[in-house]
Amino acid sequence: MLRDITIGQYYPVDSVIHRLDPRTKLMAAMLYILSLFVFRGWAGFAAVTLGLVLVIVLSRVPFGYMVRGLKAVVVILVLTVLFNLFLTPGETLAEFWKLRITWEGLKNAGFMAVRLTYLILGSSVLTLTTTPNQLTDGMEKALGPFNRLHIPVHEISMMMSIALRFIPILIEETDKIMKAQLARGADFESGNLIKKAKSMVPLLVPLFISAFRRANDLAMAMEARCYHGGEGRTKMKPLRYKRADIAAYLLSAGYFAGVVALRIIW
């Protein structure tokens, strides 16, 4: 289960999406996320699906590897679908006990499931094709104008990059601790919900200790290298737009405009 979490991991392969500027990918991801909450009806669904499939194919990341990340949010996905299915008022399709399924609830549940699934897949494309360092540089460069408002853009970008980088590290650490506990006779599967929650205590305590130790080591390493924020820092690989980035901007804008147009027409 832990190995199935792909958020924050980078998949090294040479592709058109990997070679794009991180600012381009961030802007395209924002437009894609907005489009998920704009589209309505089957025409919008087809346009969003076509855009997502095209990006996944161009990224050259195996689709099976990308879908593995959905397993970690199955519970959230199921709960969202159930809430929309049973709590949306409208024309009744079926009713049993105090639960009522409506046509509007069925439609909302289906579209919400699609939106959440596509949201996770689209976000995974961004993190799988962009290294944490590239994400930090891209966010810092894109949000650069906010420095004039005395907003610590570099520090915010650095924190988000470190948080993304720590996700796979903590997953690997959790897997090691769990295997060590299982070897000592721990049982994380049997029993009711309360018993399962209590059995997680021997796992969470060493995990928190390990996380704080890693954070302290990282802080000491940054201080030893005289890190003092983003002021006056230079880049070894400065970001520069290429023709492919301009084309990607135009395609992203055209895609978003098409989704909006389909919502207005249908």
Protein backbone atom coordinates (compact mmCIF):
# COMPACT_ATOMS: atom_id res chain seq x y z
CA MET A 1 0.00 0.00 0.00
CA LEU A 2 2.76 2.44 0.93
CA ARG A 3 4.67 1.63 -2.23
CA ASP A 4 1.63 2.66 -4.25
CA ILE A 5 1.90 6.33 -3.23
CA THR A 6 3.48 8.13 -6.19
CA ILE A 7 2.90 11.77 -5.14
CA GLY A 8 6.23 13.57 -4.71
CA GLN A 9 8.20 10.97 -6.65
CA TYR A 10 10.10 11.71 -9.86
CA TYR A 11 10.09 9.29 -12.78
CA PRO A 12 13.32 9.81 -14.78
CA VAL A 13 12.72 9.44 -18.50
CA ASP A 14 13.35 11.64 -21.53
CA SER A 15 10.09 13.10 -22.85
CA VAL A 16 8.61 16.31 -24.19
CA ILE A 17 6.87 16.98 -20.86
CA HIS A 18 10.06 16.39 -18.85
CA ARG A 19 11.96 18.93 -20.96
CA LEU A 20 9.41 21.72 -20.49
CA ASP A 21 10.17 24.65 -18.21
CA PRO A 22 8.71 24.07 -14.71
CA ARG A 23 6.86 27.40 -14.93
CA THR A 24 5.09 26.12 -18.03
CA LYS A 25 4.08 22.91 -16.29
CA LEU A 26 2.86 24.78 -13.22
CA MET A 27 0.68 27.08 -15.30
CA ALA A 28 -0.65 24.17 -17.38
CA ALA A 29 -1.44 22.25 -14.17
CA MET A 30 -3.36 25.23 -12.77
CA LEU A 31 -5.43 25.57 -15.96
CA TYR A 32 -6.06 21.83 -15.95
CA ILE A 33 -7.27 21.87 -12.32
CA LEU A 34 -9.55 24.83 -13.07
CA SER A 35 -10.96 23.00 -16.08
CA LEU A 36 -11.93 20.03 -13.86
CA PHE A 37 -14.35 22.26 -11.95
CA VAL A 38 -15.56 24.11 -15.03
CA PHE A 39 -16.65 21.29 -17.34
CA ARG A 40 -20.20 19.95 -17.32
CA GLY A 41 -21.79 17.28 -19.46
CA TRP A 42 -20.29 14.59 -21.65
CA ALA A 43 -18.73 17.01 -24.14
CA GLY A 44 -16.61 18.64 -21.41
CA PHE A 45 -15.79 15.22 -19.98
CA ALA A 46 -14.54 14.05 -23.39
CA ALA A 47 -12.37 17.19 -23.81
CA VAL A 48 -10.79 16.83 -20.36
CA THR A 49 -10.19 13.11 -20.90
CA LEU A 50 -8.57 13.73 -24.27
CA GLY A 51 -6.27 16.39 -22.79
CA LEU A 52 -5.24 14.17 -19.87
CA VAL A 53 -4.57 11.12 -22.09
CA LEU A 54 -2.49 13.22 -24.48
CA VAL A 55 -0.30 14.58 -21.66
CA ILE A 56 0.17 11.11 -20.12
CA VAL A 57 1.21 9.67 -23.48
CA LEU A 58 3.67 12.54 -24.11
CA SER A 59 5.14 12.18 -20.59
CA ARG A 60 6.11 8.54 -21.33
CA VAL A 61 5.38 7.61 -17.72
CA PRO A 62 3.74 4.14 -17.55
CA PHE A 63 0.02 4.51 -16.96
CA GLY A 64 0.02 1.60 -14.48
CA TYR A 65 2.68 3.35 -12.40
CA MET A 66 0.59 6.52 -12.37
CA VAL A 67 -2.66 4.75 -11.43
CA ARG A 68 -0.96 3.21 -8.39
CA GLY A 69 -1.27 6.59 -6.68
CA LEU A 70 -5.07 6.28 -6.68
CA LYS A 71 -4.97 3.41 -4.17
CA ALA A 72 -3.90 5.78 -1.40
CA VAL A 73 -7.07 7.91 -1.76
CA VAL A 74 -9.67 5.19 -2.37
CA VAL A 75 -11.33 5.83 1.01
CA ILE A 76 -11.66 9.59 0.36
CA LEU A 77 -12.97 8.87 -3.13
CA VAL A 78 -15.59 6.38 -1.89
CA LEU A 79 -16.77 8.70 0.91
CA THR A 80 -17.12 11.63 -1.52
CA VAL A 81 -19.16 9.51 -3.93
CA LEU A 82 -21.43 8.20 -1.16
CA PHE A 83 -22.10 11.67 0.27
CA ASN A 84 -23.02 13.02 -3.16
CA LEU A 85 -25.10 9.93 -3.95
CA PHE A 86 -27.29 9.91 -0.83
CA LEU A 87 -27.39 13.56 0.27
CA THR A 88 -28.26 15.31 -3.00
CA PRO A 89 -31.96 16.23 -3.28
CA GLY A 90 -33.81 15.64 -6.52
CA GLU A 91 -35.82 13.06 -8.45
CA THR A 92 -35.89 9.77 -6.51
CA LEU A 93 -34.57 6.67 -8.28
CA ALA A 94 -34.39 4.23 -5.36
CA GLU A 95 -35.09 4.35 -1.64
CA PHE A 96 -34.35 1.96 1.20
CA TRP A 97 -34.52 2.58 4.94
CA LYS A 98 -33.71 6.30 5.39
CA LEU A 99 -31.40 6.50 2.38
CA ARG A 100 -32.56 7.88 -0.93
CA ILE A 101 -30.75 7.82 -4.28
CA THR A 102 -31.69 10.59 -6.67
CA TRP A 103 -30.91 11.14 -10.33
CA GLU A 104 -29.10 14.38 -9.47
CA GLY A 105 -27.12 12.61 -6.74
CA LEU A 106 -26.13 9.83 -9.13
CA LYS A 107 -24.96 12.37 -11.70
CA ASN A 108 -23.07 14.47 -9.14
CA ALA A 109 -21.42 11.37 -7.64
CA GLY A 110 -20.22 10.24 -11.07
CA PHE A 111 -18.78 13.61 -12.03
CA MET A 112 -17.18 14.09 -8.60
CA ALA A 113 -15.49 10.69 -8.84
CA VAL A 114 -14.16 11.62 -12.28
CA ARG A 115 -12.96 15.03 -11.06
CA LEU A 116 -11.07 13.62 -8.07
CA THR A 117 -9.53 10.81 -10.13
CA TYR A 118 -8.42 13.20 -12.88
CA LEU A 119 -7.15 15.68 -10.28
CA ILE A 120 -4.84 13.07 -8.75
CA LEU A 121 -3.65 11.82 -12.14
CA GLY A 122 -2.96 15.34 -13.39
CA SER A 123 -1.08 16.29 -10.21
CA SER A 124 0.93 13.07 -10.49
CA VAL A 125 2.01 14.04 -14.01
CA LEU A 126 3.45 17.29 -12.63
CA THR A 127 5.44 15.68 -9.81
CA LEU A 128 6.52 12.64 -11.86
CA THR A 129 7.98 14.80 -14.65
CA THR A 130 9.52 17.57 -12.51
CA THR A 131 12.25 17.24 -9.90
CA PRO A 132 11.81 19.01 -6.53
CA ASN A 133 14.63 21.42 -7.43
CA GLN A 134 12.92 22.34 -10.68
CA LEU A 135 9.62 22.86 -8.89
CA THR A 136 11.31 25.16 -6.38
CA ASP A 137 12.99 27.22 -9.11
CA GLY A 138 9.81 27.36 -11.18
CA MET A 139 7.61 28.49 -8.29
CA GLU A 140 10.16 31.06 -7.14
CA LYS A 141 10.52 32.49 -10.64
CA ALA A 142 6.78 32.50 -11.35
CA LEU A 143 5.93 34.16 -8.03
CA GLY A 144 8.86 36.58 -8.23
CA PRO A 145 6.68 39.73 -8.60
CA PHE A 146 5.24 39.09 -5.12
CA ASN A 147 8.66 39.88 -3.64
CA ARG A 148 7.78 43.55 -4.07
CA LEU A 149 4.96 43.00 -1.57
CA HIS A 150 7.52 41.60 0.92
CA ILE A 151 6.16 38.07 0.55
CA PRO A 152 8.95 35.48 1.16
CA VAL A 153 8.52 33.72 -2.17
CA HIS A 154 11.83 31.82 -2.00
CA GLU A 155 11.12 30.49 1.49
CA ILE A 156 7.59 29.40 0.55
CA SER A 157 8.87 27.62 -2.56
CA MET A 158 11.63 25.95 -0.55
CA MET A 159 9.15 24.70 2.08
CA MET A 160 6.83 23.23 -0.53
CA SER A 161 9.74 21.56 -2.31
CA ILE A 162 11.05 20.04 0.93
CA ALA A 163 7.54 18.84 1.83
CA LEU A 164 7.20 17.10 -1.55
CA ARG A 165 10.66 15.60 -1.24
CA PHE A 166 9.93 14.26 2.24
CA ILE A 167 6.82 12.34 1.12
CA PRO A 168 8.69 9.41 -0.52
CA ILE A 169 11.34 9.50 2.23
CA LEU A 170 8.74 9.16 4.99
CA ILE A 171 6.93 6.45 3.03
CA GLU A 172 10.14 4.45 2.77
CA GLU A 173 10.85 5.01 6.48
CA THR A 174 7.32 3.88 7.39
CA ASP A 175 7.76 0.74 5.32
CA LYS A 176 11.03 -0.10 7.10
CA ILE A 177 9.53 0.47 10.57
CA MET A 178 6.45 -1.60 9.73
CA LYS A 179 8.56 -4.52 8.52
CA ALA A 180 10.69 -4.33 11.66
CA GLN A 181 7.57 -4.33 13.85
CA LEU A 182 6.06 -7.27 11.93
CA ALA A 183 9.29 -9.21 12.42
CA ARG A 184 8.86 -8.65 16.18
CA GLY A 185 5.30 -10.03 16.12
CA ALA A 186 3.26 -6.85 15.66
CA ASP A 187 -0.20 -7.24 14.10
CA PHE A 188 -1.60 -4.31 12.08
CA GLU A 189 -4.48 -6.15 10.35
CA SER A 190 -6.61 -8.15 12.81
CA GLY A 191 -9.13 -6.75 15.29
CA ASN A 192 -11.70 -3.98 15.17
CA LEU A 193 -11.09 -0.35 14.26
CA ILE A 194 -10.06 0.69 17.78
CA LYS A 195 -7.60 -2.19 18.07
CA LYS A 196 -6.09 -1.34 14.69
CA ALA A 197 -5.69 2.29 15.77
CA LYS A 198 -3.91 1.22 18.98
CA SER A 199 -1.62 -1.08 17.01
CA MET A 200 -0.44 1.93 14.98
CA VAL A 201 1.11 3.62 18.04
CA PRO A 202 4.34 1.55 17.91
CA LEU A 203 4.60 2.63 14.26
CA LEU A 204 3.84 6.34 14.65
CA VAL A 205 6.17 7.06 17.57
CA PRO A 206 9.43 5.97 15.84
CA LEU A 207 8.18 7.56 12.60
CA PHE A 208 7.77 10.97 14.26
CA ILE A 209 11.16 10.63 15.94
CA SER A 210 12.76 9.78 12.60
CA ALA A 211 11.00 12.71 10.88
CA PHE A 212 12.20 15.21 13.51
CA ARG A 213 15.72 13.81 13.31
CA ARG A 214 15.77 14.16 9.52
CA ALA A 215 14.42 17.71 9.78
CA ASN A 216 17.12 18.60 12.29
CA ASP A 217 19.84 17.08 10.09
CA LEU A 218 18.53 19.04 7.10
CA ALA A 219 18.52 22.31 9.07
CA MET A 220 22.10 21.71 10.27
CA ALA A 221 23.23 20.88 6.72
CA MET A 222 21.66 24.10 5.39
CA GLU A 223 23.31 26.16 8.13
CA ALA A 224 26.69 24.48 7.48
CA ARG A 225 26.40 25.59 3.84
CA CYS A 226 25.66 29.19 4.92
CA TYR A 227 22.08 29.18 3.71
CA HIS A 228 20.43 32.50 4.58
CA GLY A 229 17.42 32.73 2.26
CA GLY A 230 16.96 33.63 -1.37
CA GLU A 231 18.41 37.14 -1.34
CA GLY A 232 21.53 37.39 -3.51
CA ARG A 233 21.44 33.74 -4.56
CA THR A 234 22.27 32.77 -8.15
CA LYS A 235 21.21 29.74 -10.15
CA MET A 236 23.57 27.20 -11.65
CA LYS A 237 20.92 26.44 -14.30
CA PRO A 238 18.82 29.57 -14.85
CA LEU A 239 15.38 28.99 -16.33
CA ARG A 240 14.84 30.06 -19.92
CA TYR A 241 11.78 29.59 -22.08
CA LYS A 242 12.09 27.65 -25.33
CA ARG A 243 9.82 27.27 -28.35
CA ALA A 244 8.27 24.16 -26.85
CA ASP A 245 7.23 26.17 -23.78
CA ILE A 246 5.51 28.81 -25.90
CA ALA A 247 3.68 26.07 -27.79
CA ALA A 248 2.69 24.46 -24.50
CA TYR A 249 1.32 27.79 -23.20
CA LEU A 250 -0.76 28.22 -26.35
CA LEU A 251 -2.07 24.63 -26.21
CA SER A 252 -2.96 24.97 -22.51
CA ALA A 253 -4.79 28.24 -23.11
CA GLY A 254 -6.61 26.73 -26.09
CA TYR A 255 -7.56 23.66 -24.07
CA PHE A 256 -8.98 25.75 -21.22
CA ALA A 257 -10.84 28.05 -23.62
CA GLY A 258 -12.31 24.98 -25.34
CA VAL A 259 -13.58 23.54 -22.04
CA VAL A 260 -15.15 26.87 -21.11
CA ALA A 261 -16.75 27.14 -24.57
CA LEU A 262 -18.21 23.62 -24.26
CA ARG A 263 -19.73 24.55 -20.88
CA ILE A 264 -21.39 27.63 -22.41
CA ILE A 265 -22.66 25.81 -25.50
CA TRP A 266 -23.84 22.62 -23.77
